[in-house]
PDB file of all heavy atoms in Angstrom:
ATOM      1  N   LEU A   1       0.123 -11.482   1.198  1.00  0.00           N
ATOM      2  CA  LEU A   1       1.128 -10.425   1.333  1.00  0.00           C
ATOM      3  C   LEU A   1       2.492 -10.808   0.782  1.00  0.00           C
ATOM      4  O   LEU A   1       3.265  -9.934   0.388  1.00  0.00           O
ATOM      5  CB  LEU A   1       1.275 -10.036   2.815  1.00  0.00           C
ATOM      6  CG  LEU A   1      -0.010  -9.578   3.511  1.00  0.00           C
ATOM      7  CD1 LEU A   1       0.269  -9.275   4.975  1.00  0.00           C
ATOM      8  CD2 LEU A   1      -0.610  -8.360   2.811  1.00  0.00           C
ATOM      9  N   VAL A   2       2.785 -12.104   0.769  1.00  0.00           N
ATOM     10  CA  VAL A   2       4.102 -12.579   0.338  1.00  0.00           C
ATOM     11  C   VAL A   2       3.931 -13.724  -0.650  1.00  0.00           C
ATOM     12  O   VAL A   2       3.139 -14.639  -0.410  1.00  0.00           O
ATOM     13  CB  VAL A   2       4.941 -13.052   1.551  1.00  0.00           C
ATOM     14  CG1 VAL A   2       6.232 -13.715   1.083  1.00  0.00           C
ATOM     15  CG2 VAL A   2       5.249 -11.878   2.478  1.00  0.00           C
ATOM     16  N   VAL A   3       4.639 -13.654  -1.764  1.00  0.00           N
ATOM     17  CA  VAL A   3       4.699 -14.775  -2.703  1.00  0.00           C
ATOM     18  C   VAL A   3       5.814 -15.682  -2.224  1.00  0.00           C
ATOM     19  O   VAL A   3       6.990 -15.300  -2.217  1.00  0.00           O
ATOM     20  CB  VAL A   3       4.968 -14.286  -4.138  1.00  0.00           C
ATOM     21  CG1 VAL A   3       5.097 -15.485  -5.081  1.00  0.00           C
ATOM     22  CG2 VAL A   3       3.864 -13.362  -4.605  1.00  0.00           C
ATOM     23  N   ARG A   4       5.445 -16.872  -1.825  1.00  0.00           N
ATOM     24  CA  ARG A   4       6.405 -17.803  -1.221  1.00  0.00           C
ATOM     25  C   ARG A   4       7.198 -18.502  -2.311  1.00  0.00           C
ATOM     26  O   ARG A   4       6.869 -19.595  -2.752  1.00  0.00           O
ATOM     27  CB  ARG A   4       5.668 -18.783  -0.310  1.00  0.00           C
ATOM     28  CG  ARG A   4       5.069 -18.095   0.929  1.00  0.00           C
ATOM     29  CD  ARG A   4       3.913 -18.868   1.496  1.00  0.00           C
ATOM     30  NE  ARG A   4       3.404 -18.308   2.752  1.00  0.00           N
ATOM     31  CZ  ARG A   4       2.584 -17.261   2.818  1.00  0.00           C
ATOM     32  NH1 ARG A   4       2.190 -16.663   1.690  1.00  0.00           N
ATOM     33  NH2 ARG A   4       2.151 -16.818   3.991  1.00  0.00           N
ATOM     34  N   ALA A   5       8.228 -17.818  -2.775  1.00  0.00           N
ATOM     35  CA  ALA A   5       9.097 -18.321  -3.840  1.00  0.00           C
ATOM     36  C   ALA A   5      10.533 -18.093  -3.412  1.00  0.00           C
ATOM     37  O   ALA A   5      10.803 -17.638  -2.302  1.00  0.00           O
ATOM     38  CB  ALA A   5       8.787 -17.612  -5.158  1.00  0.00           C
ATOM     39  N   ARG A   6      11.461 -18.449  -4.277  1.00  0.00           N
ATOM     40  CA  ARG A   6      12.881 -18.212  -4.007  1.00  0.00           C
ATOM     41  C   ARG A   6      13.456 -17.319  -5.111  1.00  0.00           C
ATOM     42  O   ARG A   6      13.593 -17.769  -6.232  1.00  0.00           O
ATOM     43  CB  ARG A   6      13.647 -19.550  -3.944  1.00  0.00           C
ATOM     44  CG  ARG A   6      13.336 -20.365  -2.709  1.00  0.00           C
ATOM     45  CD  ARG A   6      14.236 -21.602  -2.669  1.00  0.00           C
ATOM     46  NE  ARG A   6      14.002 -22.393  -1.496  1.00  0.00           N
ATOM     47  CZ  ARG A   6      14.595 -22.189  -0.319  1.00  0.00           C
ATOM     48  NH1 ARG A   6      15.461 -21.215  -0.203  1.00  0.00           N
ATOM     49  NH2 ARG A   6      14.342 -22.958   0.714  1.00  0.00           N
ATOM     50  N   PRO A   7      13.795 -16.069  -4.826  1.00  0.00           N
ATOM     51  CA  PRO A   7      13.588 -15.423  -3.523  1.00  0.00           C
ATOM     52  C   PRO A   7      12.130 -15.015  -3.350  1.00  0.00           C
ATOM     53  O   PRO A   7      11.417 -14.822  -4.343  1.00  0.00           O
ATOM     54  CB  PRO A   7      14.498 -14.201  -3.599  1.00  0.00           C
ATOM     55  CG  PRO A   7      14.509 -13.852  -5.052  1.00  0.00           C
ATOM     56  CD  PRO A   7      14.457 -15.166  -5.788  1.00  0.00           C
ATOM     57  N   LEU A   8      11.691 -14.873  -2.107  1.00  0.00           N
ATOM     58  CA  LEU A   8      10.316 -14.452  -1.871  1.00  0.00           C
ATOM     59  C   LEU A   8      10.157 -12.993  -2.287  1.00  0.00           C
ATOM     60  O   LEU A   8      11.122 -12.226  -2.334  1.00  0.00           O
ATOM     61  CB  LEU A   8       9.912 -14.657  -0.410  1.00  0.00           C
ATOM     62  CG  LEU A   8      10.623 -13.868   0.707  1.00  0.00           C
ATOM     63  CD1 LEU A   8      10.101 -12.441   0.822  1.00  0.00           C
ATOM     64  CD2 LEU A   8      10.441 -14.579   2.029  1.00  0.00           C
ATOM     65  N   ARG A   9       8.947 -12.614  -2.596  1.00  0.00           N
ATOM     66  CA  ARG A   9       8.672 -11.224  -2.960  1.00  0.00           C
ATOM     67  C   ARG A   9       7.319 -10.814  -2.403  1.00  0.00           C
ATOM     68  O   ARG A   9       6.442 -11.657  -2.174  1.00  0.00           O
ATOM     69  CB  ARG A   9       8.715 -11.025  -4.479  1.00  0.00           C
ATOM     70  CG  ARG A   9       7.638 -11.778  -5.254  1.00  0.00           C
ATOM     71  CD  ARG A   9       7.798 -11.545  -6.750  1.00  0.00           C
ATOM     72  NE  ARG A   9       6.698 -12.118  -7.520  1.00  0.00           N
ATOM     73  CZ  ARG A   9       6.630 -13.377  -7.900  1.00  0.00           C
ATOM     74  NH1 ARG A   9       7.618 -14.211  -7.608  1.00  0.00           N
ATOM     75  NH2 ARG A   9       5.581 -13.804  -8.590  1.00  0.00           N
ATOM     76  N   LEU A  10       7.170  -9.530  -2.185  1.00  0.00           N
ATOM     77  CA  LEU A  10       5.942  -9.009  -1.634  1.00  0.00           C
ATOM     78  C   LEU A  10       4.932  -8.726  -2.739  1.00  0.00           C
ATOM     79  O   LEU A  10       5.306  -8.279  -3.836  1.00  0.00           O
ATOM     80  CB  LEU A  10       6.199  -7.718  -0.847  1.00  0.00           C
ATOM     81  CG  LEU A  10       6.518  -7.859   0.650  1.00  0.00           C
ATOM     82  CD1 LEU A  10       7.740  -8.738   0.871  1.00  0.00           C
ATOM     83  CD2 LEU A  10       6.688  -6.498   1.286  1.00  0.00           C
ATOM     84  N   THR A  11       3.664  -8.985  -2.449  1.00  0.00           N
ATOM     85  CA  THR A  11       2.591  -8.592  -3.354  1.00  0.00           C
ATOM     86  C   THR A  11       2.355  -7.093  -3.214  1.00  0.00           C
ATOM     87  O   THR A  11       2.936  -6.430  -2.347  1.00  0.00           O
ATOM     88  CB  THR A  11       1.303  -9.350  -3.014  1.00  0.00           C
ATOM     89  OG1 THR A  11       0.878  -8.968  -1.695  1.00  0.00           O
ATOM     90  CG2 THR A  11       1.524 -10.868  -3.052  1.00  0.00           C
ATOM     91  N   GLU A  12       1.489  -6.533  -4.054  1.00  0.00           N
ATOM     92  CA  GLU A  12       1.185  -5.106  -3.946  1.00  0.00           C
ATOM     93  C   GLU A  12       0.576  -4.761  -2.583  1.00  0.00           C
ATOM     94  O   GLU A  12       0.979  -3.771  -1.965  1.00  0.00           O
ATOM     95  CB  GLU A  12       0.266  -4.669  -5.092  1.00  0.00           C
ATOM     96  CG  GLU A  12       0.950  -4.653  -6.456  1.00  0.00           C
ATOM     97  CD  GLU A  12       2.225  -3.829  -6.476  1.00  0.00           C
ATOM     98  OE1 GLU A  12       2.197  -2.688  -5.941  1.00  0.00           O
ATOM     99  OE2 GLU A  12       3.242  -4.294  -6.998  1.00  0.00           O
ATOM    100  N   PRO A  13      -0.399  -5.552  -2.072  1.00  0.00           N
ATOM    101  CA  PRO A  13      -0.862  -5.268  -0.697  1.00  0.00           C
ATOM    102  C   PRO A  13       0.252  -5.421   0.331  1.00  0.00           C
ATOM    103  O   PRO A  13       0.291  -4.680   1.323  1.00  0.00           O
ATOM    104  CB  PRO A  13      -1.968  -6.316  -0.478  1.00  0.00           C
ATOM    105  CG  PRO A  13      -2.458  -6.638  -1.841  1.00  0.00           C
ATOM    106  CD  PRO A  13      -1.233  -6.580  -2.717  1.00  0.00           C
ATOM    107  N   GLY A  14       1.178  -6.362   0.098  1.00  0.00           N
ATOM    108  CA  GLY A  14       2.307  -6.526   1.006  1.00  0.00           C
ATOM    109  C   GLY A  14       3.191  -5.294   1.034  1.00  0.00           C
ATOM    110  O   GLY A  14       3.694  -4.898   2.096  1.00  0.00           O
ATOM    111  N   LYS A  15       3.374  -4.642  -0.115  1.00  0.00           N
ATOM    112  CA  LYS A  15       4.183  -3.431  -0.177  1.00  0.00           C
ATOM    113  C   LYS A  15       3.516  -2.283   0.584  1.00  0.00           C
ATOM    114  O   LYS A  15       4.190  -1.471   1.227  1.00  0.00           O
ATOM    115  CB  LYS A  15       4.433  -3.034  -1.632  1.00  0.00           C
ATOM    116  CG  LYS A  15       5.309  -4.024  -2.396  1.00  0.00           C
ATOM    117  CD  LYS A  15       5.398  -3.659  -3.869  1.00  0.00           C
ATOM    118  CE  LYS A  15       6.210  -4.692  -4.643  1.00  0.00           C
ATOM    119  NZ  LYS A  15       6.267  -4.386  -6.098  1.00  0.00           N
ATOM    120  N   VAL A  16       2.177  -2.227   0.510  1.00  0.00           N
ATOM    121  CA  VAL A  16       1.451  -1.198   1.256  1.00  0.00           C
ATOM    122  C   VAL A  16       1.680  -1.382   2.755  1.00  0.00           C
ATOM    123  O   VAL A  16       1.975  -0.421   3.484  1.00  0.00           O
ATOM    124  CB  VAL A  16      -0.055  -1.252   0.928  1.00  0.00           C
ATOM    125  CG1 VAL A  16      -0.842  -0.322   1.856  1.00  0.00           C
ATOM    126  CG2 VAL A  16      -0.295  -0.891  -0.528  1.00  0.00           C
ATOM    127  N   LEU A  17       1.558  -2.621   3.225  1.00  0.00           N
ATOM    128  CA  LEU A  17       1.739  -2.872   4.652  1.00  0.00           C
ATOM    129  C   LEU A  17       3.205  -2.769   5.061  1.00  0.00           C
ATOM    130  O   LEU A  17       3.499  -2.425   6.210  1.00  0.00           O
ATOM    131  CB  LEU A  17       1.191  -4.251   5.023  1.00  0.00           C
ATOM    132  CG  LEU A  17      -0.337  -4.368   5.023  1.00  0.00           C
ATOM    133  CD1 LEU A  17      -0.773  -5.682   5.671  1.00  0.00           C
ATOM    134  CD2 LEU A  17      -0.990  -3.205   5.749  1.00  0.00           C
ATOM    135  N   LEU A  18       4.127  -3.053   4.154  1.00  0.00           N
ATOM    136  CA  LEU A  18       5.543  -2.867   4.469  1.00  0.00           C
ATOM    137  C   LEU A  18       5.830  -1.397   4.742  1.00  0.00           C
ATOM    138  O   LEU A  18       6.562  -1.061   5.681  1.00  0.00           O
ATOM    139  CB  LEU A  18       6.420  -3.373   3.323  1.00  0.00           C
ATOM    140  CG  LEU A  18       7.919  -3.113   3.479  1.00  0.00           C
ATOM    141  CD1 LEU A  18       8.473  -3.829   4.705  1.00  0.00           C
ATOM    142  CD2 LEU A  18       8.675  -3.536   2.218  1.00  0.00           C
ATOM    143  N   ARG A  19       5.257  -0.528   3.941  1.00  0.00           N
ATOM    144  CA  ARG A  19       5.424   0.903   4.173  1.00  0.00           C
ATOM    145  C   ARG A  19       4.907   1.290   5.564  1.00  0.00           C
ATOM    146  O   ARG A  19       5.560   2.038   6.296  1.00  0.00           O
ATOM    147  CB  ARG A  19       4.669   1.675   3.086  1.00  0.00           C
ATOM    148  CG  ARG A  19       4.853   3.165   3.148  1.00  0.00           C
ATOM    149  CD  ARG A  19       4.376   3.825   1.863  1.00  0.00           C
ATOM    150  NE  ARG A  19       2.945   3.693   1.655  1.00  0.00           N
ATOM    151  CZ  ARG A  19       2.380   3.117   0.604  1.00  0.00           C
ATOM    152  NH1 ARG A  19       3.124   2.579  -0.350  1.00  0.00           N
ATOM    153  NH2 ARG A  19       1.075   3.072   0.479  1.00  0.00           N
ATOM    154  N   TYR A  20       3.755   0.751   5.920  1.00  0.00           N
ATOM    155  CA  TYR A  20       3.184   1.012   7.241  1.00  0.00           C
ATOM    156  C   TYR A  20       4.086   0.449   8.337  1.00  0.00           C
ATOM    157  O   TYR A  20       4.322   1.099   9.363  1.00  0.00           O
ATOM    158  CB  TYR A  20       1.792   0.395   7.304  1.00  0.00           C
ATOM    159  CG  TYR A  20       1.086   0.541   8.627  1.00  0.00           C
ATOM    160  CD1 TYR A  20       0.789   1.793   9.153  1.00  0.00           C
ATOM    161  CD2 TYR A  20       0.703  -0.581   9.352  1.00  0.00           C
ATOM    162  CE1 TYR A  20       0.130   1.927  10.362  1.00  0.00           C
ATOM    163  CE2 TYR A  20       0.047  -0.462  10.563  1.00  0.00           C
ATOM    164  CZ  TYR A  20      -0.234   0.794  11.067  1.00  0.00           C
ATOM    165  OH  TYR A  20      -0.881   0.920  12.259  1.00  0.00           O
ATOM    166  N   ALA A  21       4.620  -0.763   8.118  1.00  0.00           N
ATOM    167  CA  ALA A  21       5.494  -1.391   9.111  1.00  0.00           C
ATOM    168  C   ALA A  21       6.758  -0.568   9.326  1.00  0.00           C
ATOM    169  O   ALA A  21       7.218  -0.387  10.467  1.00  0.00           O
ATOM    170  CB  ALA A  21       5.852  -2.810   8.662  1.00  0.00           C
ATOM    171  N   ARG A  22       7.358  -0.069   8.240  1.00  0.00           N
ATOM    172  CA  ARG A  22       8.566   0.752   8.370  1.00  0.00           C
ATOM    173  C   ARG A  22       8.272   2.025   9.170  1.00  0.00           C
ATOM    174  O   ARG A  22       9.073   2.459  10.002  1.00  0.00           O
ATOM    175  CB  ARG A  22       9.075   1.128   6.976  1.00  0.00           C
ATOM    176  CG  ARG A  22       9.587  -0.050   6.160  1.00  0.00           C
ATOM    177  CD  ARG A  22      10.973  -0.424   6.568  1.00  0.00           C
ATOM    178  NE  ARG A  22      11.517  -1.453   5.686  1.00  0.00           N
ATOM    179  CZ  ARG A  22      11.962  -2.621   6.096  1.00  0.00           C
ATOM    180  NH1 ARG A  22      11.953  -2.923   7.381  1.00  0.00           N
ATOM    181  NH2 ARG A  22      12.437  -3.500   5.246  1.00  0.00           N
ATOM    182  N   GLN A  23       7.126   2.639   8.915  1.00  0.00           N
ATOM    183  CA  GLN A  23       6.774   3.848   9.639  1.00  0.00           C
ATOM    184  C   GLN A  23       6.556   3.554  11.122  1.00  0.00           C
ATOM    185  O   GLN A  23       6.976   4.335  11.984  1.00  0.00           O
ATOM    186  CB  GLN A  23       5.515   4.465   9.022  1.00  0.00           C
ATOM    187  CG  GLN A  23       5.740   4.974   7.605  1.00  0.00           C
ATOM    188  CD  GLN A  23       4.456   5.454   6.955  1.00  0.00           C
ATOM    189  OE1 GLN A  23       3.468   5.722   7.626  1.00  0.00           O
ATOM    190  NE2 GLN A  23       4.466   5.585   5.644  1.00  0.00           N
ATOM    191  N   MET A  24       5.929   2.420  11.422  1.00  0.00           N
ATOM    192  CA  MET A  24       5.716   2.042  12.813  1.00  0.00           C
ATOM    193  C   MET A  24       7.040   1.792  13.533  1.00  0.00           C
ATOM    194  O   MET A  24       7.214   2.154  14.695  1.00  0.00           O
ATOM    195  CB  MET A  24       4.825   0.807  12.892  1.00  0.00           C
ATOM    196  CG  MET A  24       3.384   1.040  12.474  1.00  0.00           C
ATOM    197  SD  MET A  24       2.554   2.304  13.483  1.00  0.00           S
ATOM    198  CE  MET A  24       2.588   1.510  15.091  1.00  0.00           C
ATOM    199  N   GLN A  25       7.997   1.179  12.819  1.00  0.00           N
ATOM    200  CA  GLN A  25       9.306   0.939  13.415  1.00  0.00           C
ATOM    201  C   GLN A  25      10.010   2.263  13.733  1.00  0.00           C
ATOM    202  O   GLN A  25      10.646   2.407  14.785  1.00  0.00           O
ATOM    203  CB  GLN A  25      10.157   0.087  12.476  1.00  0.00           C
ATOM    204  CG  GLN A  25       9.707  -1.361  12.384  1.00  0.00           C
ATOM    205  CD  GLN A  25      10.529  -2.163  11.394  1.00  0.00           C
ATOM    206  OE1 GLN A  25      11.145  -1.606  10.485  1.00  0.00           O
ATOM    207  NE2 GLN A  25      10.539  -3.469  11.554  1.00  0.00           N
ATOM    208  N   ALA A  26       9.900   3.230  12.805  1.00  0.00           N
ATOM    209  CA  ALA A  26      10.529   4.531  13.041  1.00  0.00           C
ATOM    210  C   ALA A  26       9.883   5.236  14.232  1.00  0.00           C
ATOM    211  O   ALA A  26      10.573   5.834  15.069  1.00  0.00           O
ATOM    212  CB  ALA A  26      10.420   5.395  11.784  1.00  0.00           C
ATOM    213  N   LEU A  27       8.565   5.153  14.343  1.00  0.00           N
ATOM    214  CA  LEU A  27       7.865   5.767  15.473  1.00  0.00           C
ATOM    215  C   LEU A  27       8.254   5.088  16.786  1.00  0.00           C
ATOM    216  O   LEU A  27       8.403   5.740  17.826  1.00  0.00           O
ATOM    217  CB  LEU A  27       6.354   5.682  15.260  1.00  0.00           C
ATOM    218  CG  LEU A  27       5.782   6.590  14.162  1.00  0.00           C
ATOM    219  CD1 LEU A  27       4.314   6.256  13.917  1.00  0.00           C
ATOM    220  CD2 LEU A  27       5.942   8.055  14.527  1.00  0.00           C
ATOM    221  N   ARG A  28       8.429   3.773  16.726  1.00  0.00           N
ATOM    222  CA  ARG A  28       8.813   3.041  17.938  1.00  0.00           C
ATOM    223  C   ARG A  28      10.213   3.448  18.377  1.00  0.00           C
ATOM    224  O   ARG A  28      10.480   3.590  19.576  1.00  0.00           O
ATOM    225  CB  ARG A  28       8.740   1.537  17.668  1.00  0.00           C
ATOM    226  CG  ARG A  28       8.910   0.674  18.912  1.00  0.00           C
ATOM    227  CD  ARG A  28       8.380  -0.717  18.660  1.00  0.00           C
ATOM    228  NE  ARG A  28       9.034  -1.336  17.520  1.00  0.00           N
ATOM    229  CZ  ARG A  28       8.420  -2.209  16.709  1.00  0.00           C
ATOM    230  NH1 ARG A  28       7.166  -2.535  16.899  1.00  0.00           N
ATOM    231  NH2 ARG A  28       9.085  -2.742  15.697  1.00  0.00           N
ATOM    232  N   ALA A  29      11.106   3.645  17.416  1.00  0.00           N
ATOM    233  CA  ALA A  29      12.457   4.098  17.754  1.00  0.00           C
ATOM    234  C   ALA A  29      12.419   5.483  18.384  1.00  0.00           C
ATOM    235  O   ALA A  29      13.140   5.768  19.344  1.00  0.00           O
ATOM    236  CB  ALA A  29      13.332   4.102  16.500  1.00  0.00           C
ATOM    237  N   ASP A  30      11.563   6.367  17.860  1.00  0.00           N
ATOM    238  CA  ASP A  30      11.420   7.695  18.441  1.00  0.00           C
ATOM    239  C   ASP A  30      10.914   7.616  19.878  1.00  0.00           C
ATOM    240  O   ASP A  30      11.418   8.302  20.776  1.00  0.00           O
ATOM    241  CB  ASP A  30      10.444   8.532  17.606  1.00  0.00           C
ATOM    242  CG  ASP A  30      11.042   8.984  16.291  1.00  0.00           C
ATOM    243  OD1 ASP A  30      12.282   9.011  16.185  1.00  0.00           O
ATOM    244  OD2 ASP A  30      10.271   9.301  15.371  1.00  0.00           O
ATOM    245  N   ALA A  31       9.872   6.783  20.103  1.00  0.00           N
ATOM    246  CA  ALA A  31       9.296   6.663  21.445  1.00  0.00           C
ATOM    247  C   ALA A  31      10.317   6.117  22.439  1.00  0.00           C
ATOM    248  O   ALA A  31      10.440   6.611  23.570  1.00  0.00           O
ATOM    249  CB  ALA A  31       8.062   5.767  21.406  1.00  0.00           C
ATOM    250  N   ALA A  32      11.072   5.090  22.016  1.00  0.00           N
ATOM    251  CA  ALA A  32      12.080   4.508  22.896  1.00  0.00           C
ATOM    252  C   ALA A  32      13.148   5.527  23.246  1.00  0.00           C
ATOM    253  O   ALA A  32      13.610   5.611  24.396  1.00  0.00           O
ATOM    254  CB  ALA A  32      12.704   3.291  22.233  1.00  0.00           C
ATOM    255  N   ARG A  33      13.531   6.346  22.270  1.00  0.00           N
ATOM    256  CA  ARG A  33      14.565   7.364  22.516  1.00  0.00           C
ATOM    257  C   ARG A  33      14.065   8.396  23.514  1.00  0.00           C
ATOM    258  O   ARG A  33      14.796   8.813  24.418  1.00  0.00           O
ATOM    259  CB  ARG A  33      14.940   8.031  21.188  1.00  0.00           C
ATOM    260  CG  ARG A  33      16.053   9.054  21.276  1.00  0.00           C
ATOM    261  CD  ARG A  33      16.462   9.490  19.884  1.00  0.00           C
ATOM    262  NE  ARG A  33      15.350  10.059  19.175  1.00  0.00           N
ATOM    263  CZ  ARG A  33      15.100  11.370  19.083  1.00  0.00           C
ATOM    264  NH1 ARG A  33      15.908  12.226  19.679  1.00  0.00           N
ATOM    265  NH2 ARG A  33      14.084  11.824  18.405  1.00  0.00           N
ATOM    266  N   GLU A  34      12.818   8.848  23.356  1.00  0.00           N
ATOM    267  CA  GLU A  34      12.284   9.854  24.272  1.00  0.00           C
ATOM    268  C   GLU A  34      12.081   9.302  25.682  1.00  0.00           C
ATOM    269  O   GLU A  34      12.217  10.028  26.670  1.00  0.00           O
ATOM    270  CB  GLU A  34      10.961  10.394  23.726  1.00  0.00           C
ATOM    271  CG  GLU A  34      11.137  11.247  22.470  1.00  0.00           C
ATOM    272  CD  GLU A  34       9.877  12.015  22.118  1.00  0.00           C
ATOM    273  OE1 GLU A  34       9.163  12.424  23.051  1.00  0.00           O
ATOM    274  OE2 GLU A  34       9.621  12.200  20.928  1.00  0.00           O
ATOM    275  N   LEU A  35      11.756   7.999  25.762  1.00  0.00           N
ATOM    276  CA  LEU A  35      11.545   7.393  27.077  1.00  0.00           C
ATOM    277  C   LEU A  35      12.843   6.926  27.722  1.00  0.00           C
ATOM    278  O   LEU A  35      12.858   6.524  28.888  1.00  0.00           O
ATOM    279  CB  LEU A  35      10.590   6.199  26.945  1.00  0.00           C
ATOM    280  CG  LEU A  35       9.144   6.536  26.559  1.00  0.00           C
ATOM    281  CD1 LEU A  35       8.377   5.261  26.267  1.00  0.00           C
ATOM    282  CD2 LEU A  35       8.472   7.341  27.665  1.00  0.00           C
ATOM    283  N   GLY A  36      13.940   6.938  26.946  1.00  0.00           N
ATOM    284  CA  GLY A  36      15.221   6.487  27.477  1.00  0.00           C
ATOM    285  C   GLY A  36      15.313   4.999  27.653  1.00  0.00           C
ATOM    286  O   GLY A  36      16.086   4.508  28.485  1.00  0.00           O
ATOM    287  N   THR A  37      14.518   4.242  26.872  1.00  0.00           N
ATOM    288  CA  THR A  37      14.539   2.785  26.966  1.00  0.00           C
ATOM    289  C   THR A  37      15.328   2.198  25.807  1.00  0.00           C
ATOM    290  O   THR A  37      15.647   2.877  24.835  1.00  0.00           O
ATOM    291  CB  THR A  37      13.112   2.217  26.954  1.00  0.00           C
ATOM    292  OG1 THR A  37      12.445   2.633  25.747  1.00  0.00           O
ATOM    293  CG2 THR A  37      12.328   2.722  28.151  1.00  0.00           C
ATOM    294  N   THR A  38      15.626   0.908  25.911  1.00  0.00           N
ATOM    295  CA  THR A  38      16.404   0.211  24.897  1.00  0.00           C
ATOM    296  C   THR A  38      15.504  -0.763  24.142  1.00  0.00           C
ATOM    297  O   THR A  38      14.754  -1.525  24.757  1.00  0.00           O
ATOM    298  CB  THR A  38      17.563  -0.578  25.532  1.00  0.00           C
ATOM    299  OG1 THR A  38      18.381   0.334  26.266  1.00  0.00           O
ATOM    300  CG2 THR A  38      18.403  -1.264  24.472  1.00  0.00           C
ATOM    301  N   LEU A  39      15.595  -0.721  22.820  1.00  0.00           N
ATOM    302  CA  LEU A  39      14.823  -1.637  22.003  1.00  0.00           C
ATOM    303  C   LEU A  39      15.487  -3.014  21.973  1.00  0.00           C
ATOM    304  O   LEU A  39      16.696  -3.147  22.183  1.00  0.00           O
ATOM    305  CB  LEU A  39      14.701  -1.102  20.573  1.00  0.00           C
ATOM    306  CG  LEU A  39      13.936   0.218  20.434  1.00  0.00           C
ATOM    307  CD1 LEU A  39      14.187   0.819  19.063  1.00  0.00           C
ATOM    308  CD2 LEU A  39      12.451  -0.010  20.652  1.00  0.00           C
ATOM    309  N   ALA A  40      14.676  -4.040  21.681  1.00  0.00           N
ATOM    310  CA  ALA A  40      15.214  -5.395  21.611  1.00  0.00           C
ATOM    311  C   ALA A  40      16.274  -5.506  20.531  1.00  0.00           C
ATOM    312  O   ALA A  40      17.264  -6.208  20.677  1.00  0.00           O
ATOM    313  CB  ALA A  40      14.082  -6.388  21.355  1.00  0.00           C
ATOM    314  N   ARG A  41      16.069  -4.790  19.435  1.00  0.00           N
ATOM    315  CA  ARG A  41      17.082  -4.712  18.390  1.00  0.00           C
ATOM    316  C   ARG A  41      16.939  -3.365  17.711  1.00  0.00           C
ATOM    317  O   ARG A  41      15.879  -2.738  17.758  1.00  0.00           O
ATOM    318  CB  ARG A  41      16.943  -5.856  17.374  1.00  0.00           C
ATOM    319  CG  ARG A  41      15.750  -5.761  16.434  1.00  0.00           C
ATOM    320  CD  ARG A  41      15.675  -6.994  15.535  1.00  0.00           C
ATOM    321  NE  ARG A  41      14.641  -6.873  14.521  1.00  0.00           N
ATOM    322  CZ  ARG A  41      14.854  -6.578  13.242  1.00  0.00           C
ATOM    323  NH1 ARG A  41      16.089  -6.357  12.830  1.00  0.00           N
ATOM    324  NH2 ARG A  41      13.858  -6.493  12.386  1.00  0.00           N
ATOM    325  N   ASP A  42      18.029  -2.909  17.105  1.00  0.00           N
ATOM    326  CA  ASP A  42      17.992  -1.616  16.442  1.00  0.00           C
ATOM    327  C   ASP A  42      16.908  -1.589  15.376  1.00  0.00           C
ATOM    328  O   ASP A  42      16.828  -2.506  14.548  1.00  0.00           O
ATOM    329  CB  ASP A  42      19.345  -1.316  15.778  1.00  0.00           C
ATOM    330  CG  ASP A  42      20.414  -0.969  16.786  1.00  0.00           C
ATOM    331  OD1 ASP A  42      20.090  -0.898  17.978  1.00  0.00           O
ATOM    332  OD2 ASP A  42      21.570  -0.779  16.365  1.00  0.00           O
ATOM    333  N   GLU A  43      16.070  -0.558  15.400  1.00  0.00           N
ATOM    334  CA  GLU A  43      15.090  -0.406  14.337  1.00  0.00           C
ATOM    335  C   GLU A  43      15.800   0.065  13.077  1.00  0.00           C
ATOM    336  O   GLU A  43      16.695   0.906  13.122  1.00  0.00           O
ATOM    337  CB  GLU A  43      14.005   0.595  14.741  1.00  0.00           C
ATOM    338  CG  GLU A  43      13.181   0.168  15.941  1.00  0.00           C
ATOM    339  CD  GLU A  43      12.292  -1.034  15.668  1.00  0.00           C
ATOM    340  OE1 GLU A  43      12.360  -1.595  14.560  1.00  0.00           O
ATOM    341  OE2 GLU A  43      11.519  -1.419  16.557  1.00  0.00           O
ATOM    342  N   ARG A  44      15.382  -0.474  11.967  1.00  0.00           N
ATOM    343  CA  ARG A  44      16.018  -0.166  10.693  1.00  0.00           C
ATOM    344  C   ARG A  44      15.366   1.082  10.107  1.00  0.00           C
ATOM    345  O   ARG A  44      14.152   1.144   9.934  1.00  0.00           O
ATOM    346  CB  ARG A  44      15.849  -1.374   9.761  1.00  0.00           C
ATOM    347  CG  ARG A  44      16.453  -1.247   8.392  1.00  0.00           C
ATOM    348  CD  ARG A  44      16.436  -2.616   7.721  1.00  0.00           C
ATOM    349  NE  ARG A  44      16.785  -2.544   6.322  1.00  0.00           N
ATOM    350  CZ  ARG A  44      15.905  -2.605   5.329  1.00  0.00           C
ATOM    351  NH1 ARG A  44      14.623  -2.749   5.612  1.00  0.00           N
ATOM    352  NH2 ARG A  44      16.291  -2.540   4.083  1.00  0.00           N
TER     353      ARG A  44
END
């Protein structure tokens, strides 16, 4: 998923999963807001 270089870069499969990860973070922020809870850190 990641080419371990300087700077590091994502492979094509890594980019696919990054898209999924970003969507999951947004959904988690929505759930926390509806439940009135606080996330460990602000979702980006």
